[in-house]
Protein backbone atom coordinates (compact mmCIF):
# COMPACT_ATOMS: atom_id res chain seq x y z
CA UNK A 1 0.00 0.00 0.00
CA UNK A 2 1.26 3.47 -0.84
CA UNK A 3 2.80 5.49 2.01
CA UNK A 4 1.59 8.69 0.33
CA UNK A 5 -1.82 8.36 2.01
CA UNK A 6 -1.75 11.07 4.65
CA UNK A 7 -3.16 10.27 8.10
CA UNK A 8 -4.58 13.12 10.20
CA UNK A 9 -5.20 12.73 13.94
CA UNK A 10 -7.51 15.34 15.48
CA UNK A 11 -8.19 15.29 19.23
CA UNK A 12 -8.02 18.08 21.80
CA UNK A 13 -6.20 15.77 24.24
CA UNK A 14 -2.45 15.70 23.43
CA UNK A 15 -2.03 12.36 25.19
CA UNK A 16 -4.49 10.78 22.77
CA UNK A 17 -2.84 12.06 19.59
CA UNK A 18 0.60 11.24 21.00
CA UNK A 19 -0.45 7.69 21.86
CA UNK A 20 -2.06 7.12 18.47
CA UNK A 21 1.01 8.54 16.72
CA UNK A 22 3.25 6.10 18.60
CA UNK A 23 0.91 3.24 17.74
CA UNK A 24 1.02 4.12 14.05
CA UNK A 25 4.80 4.53 14.14
CA UNK A 26 5.04 0.98 15.52
CA UNK A 27 3.76 -0.24 12.14
CA UNK A 28 5.82 2.29 10.15
CA UNK A 29 3.00 4.76 9.54
CA UNK A 30 3.38 8.50 10.06
CA UNK A 31 0.56 10.81 11.12
CA UNK A 32 -0.02 14.54 11.43
CA UNK A 33 -1.57 15.45 14.79
CA UNK A 34 -3.80 18.43 15.60
CA UNK A 35 -5.39 19.51 18.88
CA UNK A 36 -7.67 22.05 17.19
CA UNK A 37 -10.18 21.49 14.42
CA UNK A 38 -9.33 24.80 12.76
CA UNK A 39 -5.65 23.99 12.27
CA UNK A 40 -6.59 20.57 10.88
CA UNK A 41 -8.98 22.06 8.31
CA UNK A 42 -6.32 24.57 7.24
CA UNK A 43 -3.79 21.77 6.79
CA UNK A 44 -6.28 19.62 4.90
CA UNK A 45 -6.98 22.56 2.59
CA UNK A 46 -3.28 22.60 1.65
CA UNK A 47 -3.08 18.83 1.17
CA UNK A 48 -4.10 17.74 -2.33
CA UNK A 49 -3.39 14.01 -2.17
CA UNK A 50 -5.30 11.03 -0.75
CA UNK A 51 -5.79 11.07 3.01
CA UNK A 52 -7.80 9.70 5.91
CA UNK A 53 -8.72 11.40 9.19
CA UNK A 54 -9.30 10.30 12.77
CA UNK A 55 -11.56 12.80 14.58
CA UNK A 56 -12.64 13.06 18.19
CA UNK A 57 -16.41 13.44 18.33
CA UNK A 58 -16.44 16.07 21.07
CA UNK A 59 -13.92 18.91 20.91
CA UNK A 60 -14.01 22.54 22.08
CA UNK A 61 -14.97 24.94 19.33
CA UNK A 62 -15.99 22.90 16.31
CA UNK A 63 -17.31 19.44 17.16
CA UNK A 64 -16.30 16.39 15.17
CA UNK A 65 -19.68 16.43 13.41
CA UNK A 66 -19.26 20.09 12.44
CA UNK A 67 -15.77 19.36 11.12
CA UNK A 68 -17.16 16.49 9.08
CA UNK A 69 -19.88 18.69 7.60
CA UNK A 70 -17.18 21.07 6.36
CA UNK A 71 -15.11 18.17 5.04
CA UNK A 72 -18.09 16.78 3.11
CA UNK A 73 -18.29 20.13 1.31
CA UNK A 74 -14.54 20.49 0.71
CA UNK A 75 -12.97 17.02 0.68
CA UNK A 76 -15.67 14.33 0.55
CA UNK A 77 -13.05 11.81 -0.57
CA UNK A 78 -11.33 11.64 2.85
CA UNK A 79 -12.49 8.64 4.96
CA UNK A 80 -13.29 9.74 8.53
CA UNK A 81 -12.95 7.56 11.62
CA UNK A 82 -14.67 8.99 14.69
CA UNK A 83 -13.47 8.48 18.26
CA UNK A 84 -15.72 8.99 21.25
CA UNK A 85 -15.50 8.37 24.99
CA UNK A 86 -19.14 9.21 25.47
CA UNK A 87 -21.03 6.39 23.77
CA UNK A 88 -23.12 9.07 22.08
CA UNK A 89 -25.47 6.96 19.97
CA UNK A 90 -27.39 9.86 18.30
CA UNK A 91 -24.13 11.51 17.23
CA UNK A 92 -22.79 8.18 16.00
CA UNK A 93 -25.92 7.65 13.89
CA UNK A 94 -25.65 11.18 12.50
CA UNK A 95 -21.97 10.67 11.69
CA UNK A 96 -22.67 7.45 9.82
CA UNK A 97 -25.51 9.10 7.87
CA UNK A 98 -23.11 11.86 6.83
CA UNK A 99 -20.78 9.17 5.50
CA UNK A 100 -18.33 8.46 8.34
CA UNK A 101 -16.09 5.52 7.55
CA UNK A 102 -16.21 4.04 11.06
CA UNK A 103 -16.86 4.86 14.71
CA UNK A 104 -14.66 3.66 17.60
CA UNK A 105 -15.53 4.10 21.25
CA UNK A 106 -12.73 4.85 23.72
CA UNK A 107 -11.03 2.90 25.11
CA UNK A 108 -10.51 0.71 22.06
CA UNK A 109 -8.19 -2.17 21.29
CA UNK A 110 -5.00 -0.98 19.52
CA UNK A 111 -5.29 -3.76 16.96
CA UNK A 112 -8.88 -2.72 16.25
CA UNK A 113 -7.67 0.82 15.59
CA UNK A 114 -4.88 -0.31 13.26
CA UNK A 115 -7.24 -2.56 11.30
CA UNK A 116 -9.66 0.34 10.92
CA UNK A 117 -6.86 2.64 9.71
CA UNK A 118 -5.72 0.06 7.17
CA UNK A 119 -9.24 -0.34 5.79
CA UNK A 120 -9.60 3.44 5.52
CA UNK A 121 -6.25 3.72 3.73
CA UNK A 122 -7.23 0.98 1.30
CA UNK A 123 -10.30 2.95 0.24
CA UNK A 124 -8.66 6.39 0.30
CA UNK A 125 -6.89 6.12 -3.07
CA UNK A 126 -10.00 5.03 -4.97
CA UNK A 127 -12.18 7.64 -3.27
CA UNK A 128 -9.61 10.33 -4.07
CA UNK A 129 -9.47 9.32 -7.75
CA UNK A 130 -13.27 9.43 -7.99
CA UNK A 131 -13.36 12.84 -6.33
CA UNK A 132 -10.77 14.22 -8.77
CA UNK A 133 -12.91 13.01 -11.69
CA UNK A 134 -15.99 14.62 -10.17
CA UNK A 135 -14.12 17.89 -9.55
CA UNK A 136 -12.72 17.86 -13.09
CA UNK A 137 -16.22 17.33 -14.47
CA UNK A 138 -17.72 20.14 -12.37
CA UNK A 139 -14.97 22.55 -13.43
CA UNK A 140 -15.48 21.56 -17.05
CA UNK A 141 -19.23 22.15 -16.85
CA UNK A 142 -18.57 25.76 -15.87
CA UNK A 143 -17.17 26.36 -19.36
CA UNK A 144 -20.37 25.26 -21.08
CA UNK A 145 -23.65 27.04 -21.75
CA UNK A 146 -26.88 25.64 -20.35
CA UNK A 147 -27.84 24.10 -23.70
CA UNK A 148 -24.36 22.60 -24.12
CA UNK A 149 -24.68 20.94 -20.72
CA UNK A 150 -27.96 19.37 -21.78
CA UNK A 151 -26.37 18.08 -24.97
CA UNK A 152 -23.35 16.80 -23.04
CA UNK A 153 -25.48 14.74 -20.65
CA UNK A 154 -27.31 13.14 -23.57
CA UNK A 155 -24.02 12.53 -25.40
CA UNK A 156 -22.67 10.71 -22.34
CA UNK A 157 -25.82 8.56 -22.40
CA UNK A 158 -24.86 7.54 -25.94
CA UNK A 159 -27.45 9.58 -27.80
CA UNK A 160 -27.02 10.31 -31.51
CA UNK A 161 -27.47 13.81 -32.91
CA UNK A 162 -30.91 12.84 -34.17
CA UNK A 163 -31.96 11.40 -30.79
CA UNK A 164 -30.60 14.38 -28.88
CA UNK A 165 -32.29 16.80 -31.27
CA UNK A 166 -35.61 15.03 -30.79
CA UNK A 167 -35.36 15.19 -26.99
CA UNK A 168 -34.32 18.85 -26.94
CA UNK A 169 -36.57 19.90 -29.83
CA UNK A 170 -33.68 21.20 -31.94
CA UNK A 171 -32.32 20.11 -35.31
CA UNK A 172 -29.56 17.47 -35.63
CA UNK A 173 -27.38 20.12 -37.32
CA UNK A 174 -27.73 22.37 -34.28
CA UNK A 175 -26.79 19.40 -32.09
CA UNK A 176 -23.68 18.88 -34.21
CA UNK A 177 -22.69 22.51 -33.64
CA UNK A 178 -23.11 22.04 -29.89
CA UNK A 179 -21.11 18.79 -30.06
CA UNK A 180 -18.21 20.55 -31.76
CA UNK A 181 -18.28 23.39 -29.23
CA UNK A 182 -18.33 20.92 -26.33
CA UNK A 183 -15.32 19.01 -27.62
CA UNK A 184 -13.43 22.25 -28.19
CA UNK A 185 -14.24 23.76 -24.79
CA UNK A 186 -13.48 20.55 -22.90
CA UNK A 187 -10.30 20.03 -24.92
CA UNK A 188 -11.04 16.47 -26.01
CA UNK A 189 -10.48 15.04 -29.48
CA UNK A 190 -13.67 13.05 -29.97
CA UNK A 191 -16.80 11.64 -28.34
CA UNK A 192 -15.00 8.47 -27.25
CA UNK A 193 -12.42 10.45 -25.28
CA UNK A 194 -15.21 12.60 -23.84
CA UNK A 195 -17.10 9.53 -22.62
CA UNK A 196 -13.96 7.93 -21.17
CA UNK A 197 -13.10 11.08 -19.27
CA UNK A 198 -16.46 12.14 -17.88
CA UNK A 199 -18.97 9.29 -17.84
CA UNK A 200 -17.74 7.82 -14.53
CA UNK A 201 -18.19 11.20 -12.84
CA UNK A 202 -21.74 11.52 -14.17
CA UNK A 203 -22.66 8.02 -12.95
CA UNK A 204 -21.20 8.77 -9.52
CA UNK A 205 -23.35 11.88 -9.29
CA UNK A 206 -26.58 10.20 -10.38
C-alpha atoms as a PDB file:
ATOM      1  CA  UNK A   1       0.000   0.000   0.000  1.00  0.00           C
ATOM      2  CA  UNK A   2       1.261   3.470  -0.840  1.00  0.00           C
ATOM      3  CA  UNK A   3       2.802   5.495   2.007  1.00  0.00           C
ATOM      4  CA  UNK A   4       1.594   8.692   0.327  1.00  0.00           C
ATOM      5  CA  UNK A   5      -1.818   8.356   2.008  1.00  0.00           C
ATOM      6  CA  UNK A   6      -1.750  11.075   4.648  1.00  0.00           C
ATOM      7  CA  UNK A   7      -3.158  10.271   8.098  1.00  0.00           C
ATOM      8  CA  UNK A   8      -4.581  13.118  10.197  1.00  0.00           C
ATOM      9  CA  UNK A   9      -5.198  12.727  13.942  1.00  0.00           C
ATOM     10  CA  UNK A  10      -7.510  15.341  15.477  1.00  0.00           C
ATOM     11  CA  UNK A  11      -8.186  15.292  19.227  1.00  0.00           C
ATOM     12  CA  UNK A  12      -8.025  18.083  21.805  1.00  0.00           C
ATOM     13  CA  UNK A  13      -6.199  15.768  24.242  1.00  0.00           C
ATOM     14  CA  UNK A  14      -2.449  15.702  23.427  1.00  0.00           C
ATOM     15  CA  UNK A  15      -2.028  12.356  25.193  1.00  0.00           C
ATOM     16  CA  UNK A  16      -4.494  10.782  22.766  1.00  0.00           C
ATOM     17  CA  UNK A  17      -2.837  12.058  19.593  1.00  0.00           C
ATOM     18  CA  UNK A  18       0.601  11.241  21.003  1.00  0.00           C
ATOM     19  CA  UNK A  19      -0.449   7.690  21.864  1.00  0.00           C
ATOM     20  CA  UNK A  20      -2.056   7.118  18.467  1.00  0.00           C
ATOM     21  CA  UNK A  21       1.014   8.542  16.724  1.00  0.00           C
ATOM     22  CA  UNK A  22       3.253   6.102  18.603  1.00  0.00           C
ATOM     23  CA  UNK A  23       0.909   3.245  17.742  1.00  0.00           C
ATOM     24  CA  UNK A  24       1.023   4.120  14.045  1.00  0.00           C
ATOM     25  CA  UNK A  25       4.801   4.530  14.137  1.00  0.00           C
ATOM     26  CA  UNK A  26       5.039   0.983  15.523  1.00  0.00           C
ATOM     27  CA  UNK A  27       3.764  -0.243  12.138  1.00  0.00           C
ATOM     28  CA  UNK A  28       5.824   2.290  10.145  1.00  0.00           C
ATOM     29  CA  UNK A  29       2.999   4.762   9.542  1.00  0.00           C
ATOM     30  CA  UNK A  30       3.377   8.501  10.062  1.00  0.00           C
ATOM     31  CA  UNK A  31       0.557  10.808  11.117  1.00  0.00           C
ATOM     32  CA  UNK A  32      -0.023  14.542  11.428  1.00  0.00           C
ATOM     33  CA  UNK A  33      -1.575  15.452  14.787  1.00  0.00           C
ATOM     34  CA  UNK A  34      -3.801  18.433  15.598  1.00  0.00           C
ATOM     35  CA  UNK A  35      -5.388  19.509  18.879  1.00  0.00           C
ATOM     36  CA  UNK A  36      -7.666  22.049  17.187  1.00  0.00           C
ATOM     37  CA  UNK A  37     -10.182  21.494  14.423  1.00  0.00           C
ATOM     38  CA  UNK A  38      -9.326  24.799  12.757  1.00  0.00           C
ATOM     39  CA  UNK A  39      -5.654  23.985  12.269  1.00  0.00           C
ATOM     40  CA  UNK A  40      -6.589  20.569  10.882  1.00  0.00           C
ATOM     41  CA  UNK A  41      -8.982  22.062   8.314  1.00  0.00           C
ATOM     42  CA  UNK A  42      -6.325  24.567   7.240  1.00  0.00           C
ATOM     43  CA  UNK A  43      -3.790  21.771   6.791  1.00  0.00           C
ATOM     44  CA  UNK A  44      -6.283  19.621   4.899  1.00  0.00           C
ATOM     45  CA  UNK A  45      -6.975  22.560   2.586  1.00  0.00           C
ATOM     46  CA  UNK A  46      -3.279  22.602   1.646  1.00  0.00           C
ATOM     47  CA  UNK A  47      -3.083  18.835   1.167  1.00  0.00           C
ATOM     48  CA  UNK A  48      -4.099  17.743  -2.325  1.00  0.00           C
ATOM     49  CA  UNK A  49      -3.390  14.008  -2.170  1.00  0.00           C
ATOM     50  CA  UNK A  50      -5.297  11.025  -0.745  1.00  0.00           C
ATOM     51  CA  UNK A  51      -5.790  11.074   3.013  1.00  0.00           C
ATOM     52  CA  UNK A  52      -7.800   9.702   5.915  1.00  0.00           C
ATOM     53  CA  UNK A  53      -8.718  11.403   9.189  1.00  0.00           C
ATOM     54  CA  UNK A  54      -9.300  10.304  12.775  1.00  0.00           C
ATOM     55  CA  UNK A  55     -11.560  12.801  14.578  1.00  0.00           C
ATOM     56  CA  UNK A  56     -12.645  13.062  18.190  1.00  0.00           C
ATOM     57  CA  UNK A  57     -16.412  13.438  18.332  1.00  0.00           C
ATOM     58  CA  UNK A  58     -16.435  16.073  21.072  1.00  0.00           C
ATOM     59  CA  UNK A  59     -13.917  18.908  20.909  1.00  0.00           C
ATOM     60  CA  UNK A  60     -14.006  22.537  22.079  1.00  0.00           C
ATOM     61  CA  UNK A  61     -14.974  24.940  19.330  1.00  0.00           C
ATOM     62  CA  UNK A  62     -15.988  22.898  16.314  1.00  0.00           C
ATOM     63  CA  UNK A  63     -17.308  19.442  17.161  1.00  0.00           C
ATOM     64  CA  UNK A  64     -16.299  16.393  15.173  1.00  0.00           C
ATOM     65  CA  UNK A  65     -19.677  16.429  13.411  1.00  0.00           C
ATOM     66  CA  UNK A  66     -19.256  20.092  12.440  1.00  0.00           C
ATOM     67  CA  UNK A  67     -15.772  19.358  11.117  1.00  0.00           C
ATOM     68  CA  UNK A  68     -17.163  16.487   9.085  1.00  0.00           C
ATOM     69  CA  UNK A  69     -19.880  18.694   7.598  1.00  0.00           C
ATOM     70  CA  UNK A  70     -17.179  21.065   6.362  1.00  0.00           C
ATOM     71  CA  UNK A  71     -15.113  18.170   5.037  1.00  0.00           C
ATOM     72  CA  UNK A  72     -18.090  16.779   3.115  1.00  0.00           C
ATOM     73  CA  UNK A  73     -18.295  20.125   1.309  1.00  0.00           C
ATOM     74  CA  UNK A  74     -14.539  20.490   0.706  1.00  0.00           C
ATOM     75  CA  UNK A  75     -12.973  17.022   0.676  1.00  0.00           C
ATOM     76  CA  UNK A  76     -15.672  14.330   0.548  1.00  0.00           C
ATOM     77  CA  UNK A  77     -13.050  11.805  -0.566  1.00  0.00           C
ATOM     78  CA  UNK A  78     -11.334  11.641   2.848  1.00  0.00           C
ATOM     79  CA  UNK A  79     -12.495   8.645   4.963  1.00  0.00           C
ATOM     80  CA  UNK A  80     -13.286   9.738   8.530  1.00  0.00           C
ATOM     81  CA  UNK A  81     -12.945   7.557  11.619  1.00  0.00           C
ATOM     82  CA  UNK A  82     -14.671   8.995  14.685  1.00  0.00           C
ATOM     83  CA  UNK A  83     -13.467   8.479  18.256  1.00  0.00           C
ATOM     84  CA  UNK A  84     -15.721   8.988  21.253  1.00  0.00           C
ATOM     85  CA  UNK A  85     -15.496   8.370  24.986  1.00  0.00           C
ATOM     86  CA  UNK A  86     -19.141   9.210  25.471  1.00  0.00           C
ATOM     87  CA  UNK A  87     -21.028   6.392  23.772  1.00  0.00           C
ATOM     88  CA  UNK A  88     -23.120   9.066  22.081  1.00  0.00           C
ATOM     89  CA  UNK A  89     -25.470   6.958  19.972  1.00  0.00           C
ATOM     90  CA  UNK A  90     -27.388   9.862  18.298  1.00  0.00           C
ATOM     91  CA  UNK A  91     -24.131  11.510  17.230  1.00  0.00           C
ATOM     92  CA  UNK A  92     -22.791   8.180  16.000  1.00  0.00           C
ATOM     93  CA  UNK A  93     -25.915   7.654  13.895  1.00  0.00           C
ATOM     94  CA  UNK A  94     -25.651  11.179  12.498  1.00  0.00           C
ATOM     95  CA  UNK A  95     -21.973  10.675  11.687  1.00  0.00           C
ATOM     96  CA  UNK A  96     -22.675   7.448   9.817  1.00  0.00           C
ATOM     97  CA  UNK A  97     -25.509   9.100   7.872  1.00  0.00           C
ATOM     98  CA  UNK A  98     -23.105  11.857   6.833  1.00  0.00           C
ATOM     99  CA  UNK A  99     -20.780   9.172   5.504  1.00  0.00           C
ATOM    100  CA  UNK A 100     -18.331   8.464   8.335  1.00  0.00           C
ATOM    101  CA  UNK A 101     -16.089   5.518   7.550  1.00  0.00           C
ATOM    102  CA  UNK A 102     -16.208   4.045  11.063  1.00  0.00           C
ATOM    103  CA  UNK A 103     -16.858   4.858  14.714  1.00  0.00           C
ATOM    104  CA  UNK A 104     -14.655   3.662  17.599  1.00  0.00           C
ATOM    105  CA  UNK A 105     -15.530   4.102  21.250  1.00  0.00           C
ATOM    106  CA  UNK A 106     -12.729   4.848  23.718  1.00  0.00           C
ATOM    107  CA  UNK A 107     -11.029   2.899  25.115  1.00  0.00           C
ATOM    108  CA  UNK A 108     -10.509   0.708  22.061  1.00  0.00           C
ATOM    109  CA  UNK A 109      -8.194  -2.166  21.287  1.00  0.00           C
ATOM    110  CA  UNK A 110      -5.005  -0.976  19.523  1.00  0.00           C
ATOM    111  CA  UNK A 111      -5.294  -3.761  16.961  1.00  0.00           C
ATOM    112  CA  UNK A 112      -8.879  -2.724  16.245  1.00  0.00           C
ATOM    113  CA  UNK A 113      -7.674   0.824  15.587  1.00  0.00           C
ATOM    114  CA  UNK A 114      -4.876  -0.311  13.257  1.00  0.00           C
ATOM    115  CA  UNK A 115      -7.239  -2.557  11.304  1.00  0.00           C
ATOM    116  CA  UNK A 116      -9.658   0.343  10.923  1.00  0.00           C
ATOM    117  CA  UNK A 117      -6.864   2.638   9.711  1.00  0.00           C
ATOM    118  CA  UNK A 118      -5.719   0.058   7.165  1.00  0.00           C
ATOM    119  CA  UNK A 119      -9.245  -0.335   5.792  1.00  0.00           C
ATOM    120  CA  UNK A 120      -9.596   3.438   5.521  1.00  0.00           C
ATOM    121  CA  UNK A 121      -6.248   3.718   3.734  1.00  0.00           C
ATOM    122  CA  UNK A 122      -7.229   0.978   1.298  1.00  0.00           C
ATOM    123  CA  UNK A 123     -10.296   2.955   0.238  1.00  0.00           C
ATOM    124  CA  UNK A 124      -8.658   6.386   0.299  1.00  0.00           C
ATOM    125  CA  UNK A 125      -6.889   6.117  -3.067  1.00  0.00           C
ATOM    126  CA  UNK A 126     -10.004   5.031  -4.969  1.00  0.00           C
ATOM    127  CA  UNK A 127     -12.175   7.640  -3.268  1.00  0.00           C
ATOM    128  CA  UNK A 128      -9.611  10.331  -4.074  1.00  0.00           C
ATOM    129  CA  UNK A 129      -9.467   9.320  -7.748  1.00  0.00           C
ATOM    130  CA  UNK A 130     -13.271   9.426  -7.991  1.00  0.00           C
ATOM    131  CA  UNK A 131     -13.356  12.837  -6.326  1.00  0.00           C
ATOM    132  CA  UNK A 132     -10.773  14.218  -8.771  1.00  0.00           C
ATOM    133  CA  UNK A 133     -12.907  13.008 -11.689  1.00  0.00           C
ATOM    134  CA  UNK A 134     -15.986  14.620 -10.172  1.00  0.00           C
ATOM    135  CA  UNK A 135     -14.118  17.889  -9.554  1.00  0.00           C
ATOM    136  CA  UNK A 136     -12.719  17.859 -13.091  1.00  0.00           C
ATOM    137  CA  UNK A 137     -16.222  17.326 -14.469  1.00  0.00           C
ATOM    138  CA  UNK A 138     -17.715  20.142 -12.369  1.00  0.00           C
ATOM    139  CA  UNK A 139     -14.972  22.547 -13.429  1.00  0.00           C
ATOM    140  CA  UNK A 140     -15.477  21.558 -17.054  1.00  0.00           C
ATOM    141  CA  UNK A 141     -19.227  22.146 -16.853  1.00  0.00           C
ATOM    142  CA  UNK A 142     -18.570  25.755 -15.865  1.00  0.00           C
ATOM    143  CA  UNK A 143     -17.167  26.365 -19.362  1.00  0.00           C
ATOM    144  CA  UNK A 144     -20.373  25.262 -21.084  1.00  0.00           C
ATOM    145  CA  UNK A 145     -23.647  27.039 -21.747  1.00  0.00           C
ATOM    146  CA  UNK A 146     -26.883  25.644 -20.349  1.00  0.00           C
ATOM    147  CA  UNK A 147     -27.837  24.099 -23.698  1.00  0.00           C
ATOM    148  CA  UNK A 148     -24.363  22.604 -24.122  1.00  0.00           C
ATOM    149  CA  UNK A 149     -24.681  20.945 -20.718  1.00  0.00           C
ATOM    150  CA  UNK A 150     -27.963  19.369 -21.781  1.00  0.00           C
ATOM    151  CA  UNK A 151     -26.368  18.078 -24.975  1.00  0.00           C
ATOM    152  CA  UNK A 152     -23.347  16.800 -23.045  1.00  0.00           C
ATOM    153  CA  UNK A 153     -25.478  14.740 -20.654  1.00  0.00           C
ATOM    154  CA  UNK A 154     -27.310  13.137 -23.571  1.00  0.00           C
ATOM    155  CA  UNK A 155     -24.022  12.525 -25.400  1.00  0.00           C
ATOM    156  CA  UNK A 156     -22.674  10.710 -22.343  1.00  0.00           C
ATOM    157  CA  UNK A 157     -25.816   8.557 -22.398  1.00  0.00           C
ATOM    158  CA  UNK A 158     -24.857   7.536 -25.935  1.00  0.00           C
ATOM    159  CA  UNK A 159     -27.451   9.580 -27.799  1.00  0.00           C
ATOM    160  CA  UNK A 160     -27.017  10.308 -31.508  1.00  0.00           C
ATOM    161  CA  UNK A 161     -27.468  13.810 -32.909  1.00  0.00           C
ATOM    162  CA  UNK A 162     -30.910  12.838 -34.174  1.00  0.00           C
ATOM    163  CA  UNK A 163     -31.959  11.395 -30.786  1.00  0.00           C
ATOM    164  CA  UNK A 164     -30.595  14.383 -28.882  1.00  0.00           C
ATOM    165  CA  UNK A 165     -32.292  16.797 -31.266  1.00  0.00           C
ATOM    166  CA  UNK A 166     -35.611  15.025 -30.789  1.00  0.00           C
ATOM    167  CA  UNK A 167     -35.357  15.195 -26.992  1.00  0.00           C
ATOM    168  CA  UNK A 168     -34.320  18.848 -26.945  1.00  0.00           C
ATOM    169  CA  UNK A 169     -36.571  19.895 -29.834  1.00  0.00           C
ATOM    170  CA  UNK A 170     -33.685  21.197 -31.939  1.00  0.00           C
ATOM    171  CA  UNK A 171     -32.324  20.106 -35.315  1.00  0.00           C
ATOM    172  CA  UNK A 172     -29.560  17.474 -35.628  1.00  0.00           C
ATOM    173  CA  UNK A 173     -27.382  20.118 -37.320  1.00  0.00           C
ATOM    174  CA  UNK A 174     -27.731  22.365 -34.280  1.00  0.00           C
ATOM    175  CA  UNK A 175     -26.794  19.402 -32.087  1.00  0.00           C
ATOM    176  CA  UNK A 176     -23.682  18.884 -34.214  1.00  0.00           C
ATOM    177  CA  UNK A 177     -22.685  22.513 -33.644  1.00  0.00           C
ATOM    178  CA  UNK A 178     -23.107  22.038 -29.891  1.00  0.00           C
ATOM    179  CA  UNK A 179     -21.109  18.787 -30.058  1.00  0.00           C
ATOM    180  CA  UNK A 180     -18.214  20.554 -31.757  1.00  0.00           C
ATOM    181  CA  UNK A 181     -18.280  23.394 -29.230  1.00  0.00           C
ATOM    182  CA  UNK A 182     -18.334  20.924 -26.328  1.00  0.00           C
ATOM    183  CA  UNK A 183     -15.317  19.008 -27.624  1.00  0.00           C
ATOM    184  CA  UNK A 184     -13.426  22.254 -28.190  1.00  0.00           C
ATOM    185  CA  UNK A 185     -14.245  23.763 -24.789  1.00  0.00           C
ATOM    186  CA  UNK A 186     -13.483  20.553 -22.903  1.00  0.00           C
ATOM    187  CA  UNK A 187     -10.295  20.026 -24.916  1.00  0.00           C
ATOM    188  CA  UNK A 188     -11.038  16.468 -26.015  1.00  0.00           C
ATOM    189  CA  UNK A 189     -10.480  15.042 -29.483  1.00  0.00           C
ATOM    190  CA  UNK A 190     -13.673  13.050 -29.973  1.00  0.00           C
ATOM    191  CA  UNK A 191     -16.805  11.637 -28.342  1.00  0.00           C
ATOM    192  CA  UNK A 192     -14.999   8.466 -27.250  1.00  0.00           C
ATOM    193  CA  UNK A 193     -12.421  10.447 -25.278  1.00  0.00           C
ATOM    194  CA  UNK A 194     -15.208  12.596 -23.843  1.00  0.00           C
ATOM    195  CA  UNK A 195     -17.096   9.526 -22.616  1.00  0.00           C
ATOM    196  CA  UNK A 196     -13.962   7.932 -21.171  1.00  0.00           C
ATOM    197  CA  UNK A 197     -13.096  11.081 -19.267  1.00  0.00           C
ATOM    198  CA  UNK A 198     -16.463  12.142 -17.882  1.00  0.00           C
ATOM    199  CA  UNK A 199     -18.970   9.294 -17.836  1.00  0.00           C
ATOM    200  CA  UNK A 200     -17.744   7.818 -14.528  1.00  0.00           C
ATOM    201  CA  UNK A 201     -18.193  11.200 -12.842  1.00  0.00           C
ATOM    202  CA  UNK A 202     -21.739  11.517 -14.166  1.00  0.00           C
ATOM    203  CA  UNK A 203     -22.656   8.016 -12.953  1.00  0.00           C
ATOM    204  CA  UNK A 204     -21.197   8.773  -9.522  1.00  0.00           C
ATOM    205  CA  UNK A 205     -23.348  11.883  -9.287  1.00  0.00           C
ATOM    206  CA  UNK A 206     -26.584  10.201 -10.380  1.00  0.00           C
END
